[in-house]
Amino acid sequence: MLSVDAARHSESANGWWEQRRLRYSIGLVVAGLLAFVCYVGVVDRGISTGVMPDAEITLFTTAFQAVGYLFMVALANVCYFAGALSESLVKPTNPDRYRHVMFWLGFWFSVLLPFSIPALVARSYLLHRSAAFGL
């Protein structure tokens, strides 16, 4: 059975994390849009230089990626519960500092993760470019 202090702490932790969920979700949406713009730029460059002749960006691929990204945003929001859960497991001595550090670590990891796709495509472009042009 939870003590009164433990129940109050859990309620306070959940409230703290829920107050920041909208900021987290907006960050994910903005990051997804910017990462897609980067992806389009890299693929367009690959197509125009002839390094990625089979690549294409169509309405279908754009819609498919958008739906996939919305699914990932939903999954990321489910994983967002890990913040409050980790606090109940770790029981930090300074909950306020712990919350801020964990929130910003999780936020920046989640915001930077969508950029891994255009980065991988750019890497592929550079490797194929150097092989095609002997660079």
N, C-alpha and C. Protein backbone atom coordinates (compact mmCIF):
# COMPACT_ATOMS: atom_id res chain seq x y z
N MET A 1 0.84 -1.17 0.00
CA MET A 1 0.00 0.00 0.00
C MET A 1 0.89 1.24 0.00
N LEU A 2 0.51 2.23 -0.80
CA LEU A 2 1.29 3.46 -0.89
C LEU A 2 1.04 4.34 0.31
N SER A 3 2.10 4.96 0.79
CA SER A 3 1.92 5.92 1.87
C SER A 3 1.32 7.20 1.28
N VAL A 4 0.85 8.07 2.13
CA VAL A 4 0.24 9.33 1.69
C VAL A 4 1.28 10.17 0.95
N ASP A 5 2.53 10.22 1.45
CA ASP A 5 3.57 11.00 0.80
C ASP A 5 3.92 10.43 -0.58
N ALA A 6 3.98 9.12 -0.69
CA ALA A 6 4.29 8.48 -1.98
C ALA A 6 3.19 8.75 -2.99
N ALA A 7 1.94 8.68 -2.56
CA ALA A 7 0.81 8.95 -3.45
C ALA A 7 0.82 10.40 -3.90
N ARG A 8 1.11 11.32 -2.98
CA ARG A 8 1.16 12.75 -3.31
C ARG A 8 2.31 13.03 -4.28
N HIS A 9 3.46 12.38 -4.05
CA HIS A 9 4.61 12.56 -4.93
C HIS A 9 4.30 12.04 -6.33
N SER A 10 3.64 10.89 -6.41
CA SER A 10 3.28 10.31 -7.71
C SER A 10 2.32 11.21 -8.46
N GLU A 11 1.34 11.77 -7.75
CA GLU A 11 0.38 12.68 -8.36
C GLU A 11 1.08 13.94 -8.85
N SER A 12 2.00 14.45 -8.05
CA SER A 12 2.74 15.65 -8.43
C SER A 12 3.64 15.37 -9.63
N ALA A 13 4.27 14.20 -9.69
CA ALA A 13 5.13 13.84 -10.81
C ALA A 13 4.30 13.72 -12.09
N ASN A 14 3.18 13.04 -12.02
CA ASN A 14 2.32 12.89 -13.20
C ASN A 14 1.84 14.26 -13.70
N GLY A 15 1.46 15.12 -12.79
CA GLY A 15 1.01 16.46 -13.17
C GLY A 15 2.12 17.25 -13.84
N TRP A 16 3.33 17.17 -13.30
CA TRP A 16 4.47 17.90 -13.87
C TRP A 16 4.73 17.44 -15.29
N TRP A 17 4.74 16.13 -15.50
CA TRP A 17 5.01 15.60 -16.84
C TRP A 17 3.86 15.93 -17.80
N GLU A 18 2.64 15.85 -17.35
CA GLU A 18 1.49 16.14 -18.22
C GLU A 18 1.47 17.62 -18.65
N GLN A 19 1.93 18.51 -17.79
CA GLN A 19 1.97 19.93 -18.16
C GLN A 19 2.92 20.19 -19.32
N ARG A 20 3.86 19.33 -19.55
CA ARG A 20 4.87 19.53 -20.61
C ARG A 20 4.63 18.67 -21.85
N ARG A 21 3.60 17.86 -21.82
CA ARG A 21 3.33 16.94 -22.94
C ARG A 21 3.04 17.71 -24.24
N LEU A 22 2.28 18.78 -24.19
CA LEU A 22 1.97 19.54 -25.40
C LEU A 22 3.24 20.12 -26.02
N ARG A 23 4.11 20.67 -25.20
CA ARG A 23 5.39 21.19 -25.69
C ARG A 23 6.20 20.09 -26.37
N TYR A 24 6.21 18.93 -25.77
CA TYR A 24 6.92 17.78 -26.32
C TYR A 24 6.33 17.38 -27.67
N SER A 25 5.01 17.30 -27.74
CA SER A 25 4.34 16.89 -28.98
C SER A 25 4.55 17.92 -30.09
N ILE A 26 4.48 19.19 -29.77
CA ILE A 26 4.72 20.24 -30.77
C ILE A 26 6.16 20.15 -31.27
N GLY A 27 7.09 19.91 -30.38
CA GLY A 27 8.49 19.75 -30.77
C GLY A 27 8.67 18.59 -31.74
N LEU A 28 7.96 17.49 -31.51
CA LEU A 28 8.04 16.34 -32.41
C LEU A 28 7.48 16.67 -33.79
N VAL A 29 6.36 17.37 -33.83
CA VAL A 29 5.74 17.72 -35.12
C VAL A 29 6.65 18.67 -35.91
N VAL A 30 7.18 19.69 -35.25
CA VAL A 30 8.07 20.64 -35.92
C VAL A 30 9.33 19.93 -36.41
N ALA A 31 9.89 19.08 -35.57
CA ALA A 31 11.09 18.33 -35.97
C ALA A 31 10.80 17.43 -37.16
N GLY A 32 9.64 16.79 -37.17
CA GLY A 32 9.27 15.94 -38.29
C GLY A 32 9.16 16.71 -39.59
N LEU A 33 8.56 17.89 -39.54
CA LEU A 33 8.44 18.73 -40.74
C LEU A 33 9.81 19.18 -41.24
N LEU A 34 10.64 19.64 -40.32
CA LEU A 34 11.99 20.10 -40.71
C LEU A 34 12.84 18.94 -41.23
N ALA A 35 12.73 17.78 -40.60
CA ALA A 35 13.48 16.62 -41.06
C ALA A 35 13.01 16.20 -42.45
N PHE A 36 11.71 16.31 -42.72
CA PHE A 36 11.21 15.96 -44.05
C PHE A 36 11.73 16.95 -45.09
N VAL A 37 11.80 18.22 -44.75
CA VAL A 37 12.37 19.21 -45.67
C VAL A 37 13.83 18.86 -45.97
N CYS A 38 14.58 18.49 -44.95
CA CYS A 38 15.98 18.07 -45.15
C CYS A 38 16.04 16.83 -46.04
N TYR A 39 15.15 15.88 -45.80
CA TYR A 39 15.10 14.66 -46.60
C TYR A 39 14.82 14.99 -48.07
N VAL A 40 13.86 15.86 -48.32
CA VAL A 40 13.53 16.25 -49.69
C VAL A 40 14.74 16.91 -50.35
N GLY A 41 15.42 17.77 -49.60
CA GLY A 41 16.61 18.43 -50.15
C GLY A 41 17.70 17.45 -50.55
N VAL A 42 17.94 16.46 -49.69
CA VAL A 42 18.98 15.47 -49.98
C VAL A 42 18.58 14.60 -51.16
N VAL A 43 17.34 14.13 -51.17
CA VAL A 43 16.89 13.27 -52.27
C VAL A 43 16.87 14.06 -53.57
N ASP A 44 16.42 15.30 -53.53
CA ASP A 44 16.41 16.13 -54.74
C ASP A 44 17.83 16.31 -55.28
N ARG A 45 18.76 16.54 -54.39
CA ARG A 45 20.17 16.67 -54.80
C ARG A 45 20.67 15.36 -55.42
N GLY A 46 20.32 14.25 -54.82
CA GLY A 46 20.73 12.95 -55.35
C GLY A 46 20.13 12.68 -56.72
N ILE A 47 18.88 13.06 -56.92
CA ILE A 47 18.23 12.86 -58.21
C ILE A 47 18.85 13.77 -59.26
N SER A 48 19.03 15.05 -58.91
CA SER A 48 19.52 16.02 -59.89
C SER A 48 20.96 15.76 -60.31
N THR A 49 21.76 15.16 -59.46
CA THR A 49 23.14 14.85 -59.84
C THR A 49 23.27 13.47 -60.48
N GLY A 50 22.20 12.71 -60.51
CA GLY A 50 22.23 11.39 -61.12
C GLY A 50 22.78 10.30 -60.22
N VAL A 51 23.07 10.64 -58.97
CA VAL A 51 23.61 9.65 -58.03
C VAL A 51 22.52 8.72 -57.52
N MET A 52 21.30 9.24 -57.42
CA MET A 52 20.15 8.45 -56.93
C MET A 52 19.04 8.47 -57.98
N PRO A 53 19.29 7.89 -59.14
CA PRO A 53 18.30 8.00 -60.23
C PRO A 53 16.97 7.30 -59.94
N ASP A 54 16.97 6.30 -59.09
CA ASP A 54 15.74 5.56 -58.81
C ASP A 54 14.93 6.17 -57.66
N ALA A 55 15.47 7.17 -57.01
CA ALA A 55 14.75 7.81 -55.91
C ALA A 55 13.64 8.68 -56.47
N GLU A 56 12.58 8.80 -55.71
CA GLU A 56 11.48 9.67 -56.12
C GLU A 56 10.71 10.14 -54.90
N ILE A 57 10.14 11.31 -55.03
CA ILE A 57 9.27 11.84 -54.00
C ILE A 57 7.94 12.13 -54.67
N THR A 58 6.94 11.33 -54.32
CA THR A 58 5.61 11.47 -54.91
C THR A 58 4.61 11.79 -53.81
N LEU A 59 3.39 12.08 -54.23
CA LEU A 59 2.33 12.33 -53.26
C LEU A 59 2.11 11.09 -52.39
N PHE A 60 2.18 9.92 -52.99
CA PHE A 60 2.00 8.68 -52.23
C PHE A 60 3.10 8.50 -51.18
N THR A 61 4.37 8.67 -51.58
CA THR A 61 5.46 8.47 -50.61
C THR A 61 5.40 9.53 -49.51
N THR A 62 5.00 10.75 -49.88
CA THR A 62 4.87 11.80 -48.86
C THR A 62 3.76 11.46 -47.87
N ALA A 63 2.60 11.04 -48.38
CA ALA A 63 1.48 10.66 -47.51
C ALA A 63 1.85 9.46 -46.65
N PHE A 64 2.52 8.48 -47.24
CA PHE A 64 2.93 7.29 -46.50
C PHE A 64 3.86 7.68 -45.35
N GLN A 65 4.83 8.54 -45.63
CA GLN A 65 5.76 8.97 -44.59
C GLN A 65 5.06 9.80 -43.52
N ALA A 66 4.09 10.61 -43.92
CA ALA A 66 3.35 11.43 -42.95
C ALA A 66 2.56 10.55 -41.99
N VAL A 67 1.88 9.55 -42.52
CA VAL A 67 1.11 8.63 -41.67
C VAL A 67 2.06 7.85 -40.75
N GLY A 68 3.17 7.39 -41.31
CA GLY A 68 4.16 6.69 -40.49
C GLY A 68 4.70 7.57 -39.38
N TYR A 69 4.93 8.84 -39.69
CA TYR A 69 5.47 9.75 -38.68
C TYR A 69 4.42 10.03 -37.60
N LEU A 70 3.16 10.17 -37.97
CA LEU A 70 2.11 10.38 -36.96
C LEU A 70 2.02 9.17 -36.03
N PHE A 71 2.19 7.98 -36.57
CA PHE A 71 2.22 6.78 -35.75
C PHE A 71 3.40 6.86 -34.77
N MET A 72 4.55 7.31 -35.25
CA MET A 72 5.73 7.40 -34.39
C MET A 72 5.56 8.48 -33.31
N VAL A 73 4.87 9.58 -33.65
CA VAL A 73 4.59 10.61 -32.64
C VAL A 73 3.70 10.03 -31.55
N ALA A 74 2.71 9.24 -31.94
CA ALA A 74 1.84 8.59 -30.95
C ALA A 74 2.65 7.63 -30.07
N LEU A 75 3.53 6.86 -30.70
CA LEU A 75 4.38 5.93 -29.94
C LEU A 75 5.31 6.70 -29.00
N ALA A 76 5.86 7.82 -29.48
CA ALA A 76 6.75 8.63 -28.64
C ALA A 76 5.99 9.17 -27.43
N ASN A 77 4.71 9.52 -27.62
CA ASN A 77 3.92 10.01 -26.50
C ASN A 77 3.61 8.91 -25.50
N VAL A 78 3.50 7.68 -25.98
CA VAL A 78 3.35 6.55 -25.05
C VAL A 78 4.65 6.40 -24.25
N CYS A 79 5.78 6.50 -24.93
CA CYS A 79 7.08 6.40 -24.26
C CYS A 79 7.32 7.58 -23.31
N TYR A 80 6.62 8.67 -23.53
CA TYR A 80 6.74 9.85 -22.67
C TYR A 80 6.37 9.50 -21.23
N PHE A 81 5.50 8.52 -21.05
CA PHE A 81 5.14 8.06 -19.70
C PHE A 81 6.36 7.56 -18.93
N ALA A 82 7.41 7.21 -19.63
CA ALA A 82 8.62 6.71 -18.97
C ALA A 82 9.21 7.75 -18.02
N GLY A 83 8.98 9.03 -18.30
CA GLY A 83 9.50 10.07 -17.42
C GLY A 83 8.96 9.95 -16.01
N ALA A 84 7.65 9.93 -15.89
CA ALA A 84 7.03 9.81 -14.57
C ALA A 84 7.30 8.44 -13.96
N LEU A 85 7.30 7.41 -14.81
CA LEU A 85 7.58 6.06 -14.32
C LEU A 85 9.01 5.96 -13.78
N SER A 86 9.96 6.52 -14.52
CA SER A 86 11.35 6.44 -14.06
C SER A 86 11.54 7.17 -12.74
N GLU A 87 10.80 8.25 -12.57
CA GLU A 87 10.90 9.00 -11.32
C GLU A 87 10.41 8.17 -10.14
N SER A 88 9.37 7.39 -10.36
CA SER A 88 8.86 6.55 -9.26
C SER A 88 9.81 5.39 -8.97
N LEU A 89 10.55 4.95 -9.99
CA LEU A 89 11.50 3.84 -9.77
C LEU A 89 12.82 4.33 -9.18
N VAL A 90 13.32 5.47 -9.67
CA VAL A 90 14.62 5.99 -9.22
C VAL A 90 14.50 6.67 -7.86
N LYS A 91 13.38 7.32 -7.61
CA LYS A 91 13.15 8.08 -6.37
C LYS A 91 14.30 9.08 -6.12
N PRO A 92 14.43 10.06 -7.02
CA PRO A 92 15.54 11.02 -6.88
C PRO A 92 15.42 11.86 -5.62
N THR A 93 16.57 12.27 -5.10
CA THR A 93 16.56 13.11 -3.91
C THR A 93 16.14 14.54 -4.24
N ASN A 94 16.37 14.95 -5.49
CA ASN A 94 15.96 16.28 -5.94
C ASN A 94 15.03 16.09 -7.15
N PRO A 95 13.75 15.85 -6.92
CA PRO A 95 12.83 15.54 -8.02
C PRO A 95 12.73 16.65 -9.07
N ASP A 96 12.80 17.90 -8.65
CA ASP A 96 12.67 19.00 -9.61
C ASP A 96 13.83 18.99 -10.61
N ARG A 97 15.03 18.84 -10.11
CA ARG A 97 16.20 18.78 -11.00
C ARG A 97 16.13 17.54 -11.89
N TYR A 98 15.76 16.41 -11.31
CA TYR A 98 15.65 15.16 -12.06
C TYR A 98 14.64 15.32 -13.21
N ARG A 99 13.50 15.91 -12.91
CA ARG A 99 12.47 16.10 -13.93
C ARG A 99 12.98 16.96 -15.08
N HIS A 100 13.62 18.06 -14.74
CA HIS A 100 14.12 18.95 -15.80
C HIS A 100 15.18 18.27 -16.66
N VAL A 101 16.11 17.59 -16.03
CA VAL A 101 17.17 16.92 -16.79
C VAL A 101 16.58 15.82 -17.66
N MET A 102 15.71 15.00 -17.11
CA MET A 102 15.13 13.90 -17.88
C MET A 102 14.23 14.42 -19.00
N PHE A 103 13.48 15.47 -18.73
CA PHE A 103 12.61 16.03 -19.77
C PHE A 103 13.44 16.53 -20.95
N TRP A 104 14.48 17.32 -20.66
CA TRP A 104 15.26 17.89 -21.76
C TRP A 104 16.08 16.83 -22.48
N LEU A 105 16.59 15.84 -21.77
CA LEU A 105 17.28 14.73 -22.46
C LEU A 105 16.33 13.99 -23.40
N GLY A 106 15.15 13.66 -22.89
CA GLY A 106 14.16 12.97 -23.71
C GLY A 106 13.66 13.82 -24.85
N PHE A 107 13.45 15.11 -24.58
CA PHE A 107 12.96 16.03 -25.60
C PHE A 107 13.95 16.12 -26.76
N TRP A 108 15.21 16.40 -26.45
CA TRP A 108 16.20 16.58 -27.52
C TRP A 108 16.50 15.28 -28.23
N PHE A 109 16.48 14.16 -27.53
CA PHE A 109 16.65 12.88 -28.21
C PHE A 109 15.50 12.66 -29.20
N SER A 110 14.28 12.91 -28.74
CA SER A 110 13.11 12.70 -29.59
C SER A 110 13.05 13.68 -30.76
N VAL A 111 13.49 14.91 -30.55
CA VAL A 111 13.48 15.92 -31.60
C VAL A 111 14.58 15.65 -32.63
N LEU A 112 15.73 15.19 -32.19
CA LEU A 112 16.83 14.94 -33.12
C LEU A 112 16.70 13.61 -33.86
N LEU A 113 15.98 12.67 -33.30
CA LEU A 113 15.84 11.35 -33.93
C LEU A 113 15.29 11.39 -35.36
N PRO A 114 14.27 12.20 -35.67
CA PRO A 114 13.79 12.23 -37.06
C PRO A 114 14.84 12.67 -38.07
N PHE A 115 15.84 13.40 -37.63
CA PHE A 115 16.89 13.85 -38.55
C PHE A 115 17.86 12.73 -38.89
N SER A 116 17.73 11.58 -38.24
CA SER A 116 18.60 10.46 -38.57
C SER A 116 18.30 9.92 -39.98
N ILE A 117 17.06 10.02 -40.42
CA ILE A 117 16.70 9.53 -41.76
C ILE A 117 17.37 10.38 -42.85
N PRO A 118 17.20 11.71 -42.85
CA PRO A 118 17.92 12.47 -43.88
C PRO A 118 19.44 12.36 -43.74
N ALA A 119 19.92 12.17 -42.53
CA ALA A 119 21.37 12.00 -42.36
C ALA A 119 21.84 10.70 -43.00
N LEU A 120 21.08 9.63 -42.83
CA LEU A 120 21.43 8.34 -43.46
C LEU A 120 21.34 8.42 -44.99
N VAL A 121 20.32 9.12 -45.49
CA VAL A 121 20.18 9.29 -46.94
C VAL A 121 21.34 10.14 -47.47
N ALA A 122 21.72 11.18 -46.73
CA ALA A 122 22.85 12.03 -47.14
C ALA A 122 24.14 11.21 -47.15
N ARG A 123 24.31 10.36 -46.16
CA ARG A 123 25.49 9.49 -46.12
C ARG A 123 25.52 8.58 -47.34
N SER A 124 24.38 8.00 -47.65
CA SER A 124 24.28 7.14 -48.83
C SER A 124 24.59 7.92 -50.10
N TYR A 125 24.06 9.13 -50.19
CA TYR A 125 24.33 9.99 -51.34
C TYR A 125 25.82 10.26 -51.49
N LEU A 126 26.46 10.61 -50.38
CA LEU A 126 27.90 10.92 -50.43
C LEU A 126 28.73 9.70 -50.79
N LEU A 127 28.37 8.53 -50.25
CA LEU A 127 29.11 7.31 -50.59
C LEU A 127 28.94 6.94 -52.05
N HIS A 128 27.71 7.03 -52.56
CA HIS A 128 27.46 6.70 -53.95
C HIS A 128 28.05 7.75 -54.89
N ARG A 129 28.05 8.98 -54.45
CA ARG A 129 28.62 10.07 -55.26
C ARG A 129 30.12 9.85 -55.43
N SER A 130 30.78 9.51 -54.32
CA SER A 130 32.23 9.32 -54.41
C SER A 130 32.57 8.09 -55.25
N ALA A 131 31.72 7.07 -55.19
CA ALA A 131 31.97 5.88 -56.02
C ALA A 131 31.69 6.16 -57.49
N ALA A 132 30.64 6.94 -57.75
CA ALA A 132 30.26 7.23 -59.14
C ALA A 132 31.23 8.18 -59.82
N PHE A 133 31.75 9.13 -59.06
CA PHE A 133 32.62 10.14 -59.65
C PHE A 133 34.09 9.97 -59.27
N GLY A 134 34.41 8.88 -58.59
CA GLY A 134 35.79 8.60 -58.23
C GLY A 134 36.41 9.61 -57.27
N LEU A 135 35.57 10.14 -56.36
CA LEU A 135 36.06 11.14 -55.39
C LEU A 135 36.65 10.48 -54.17
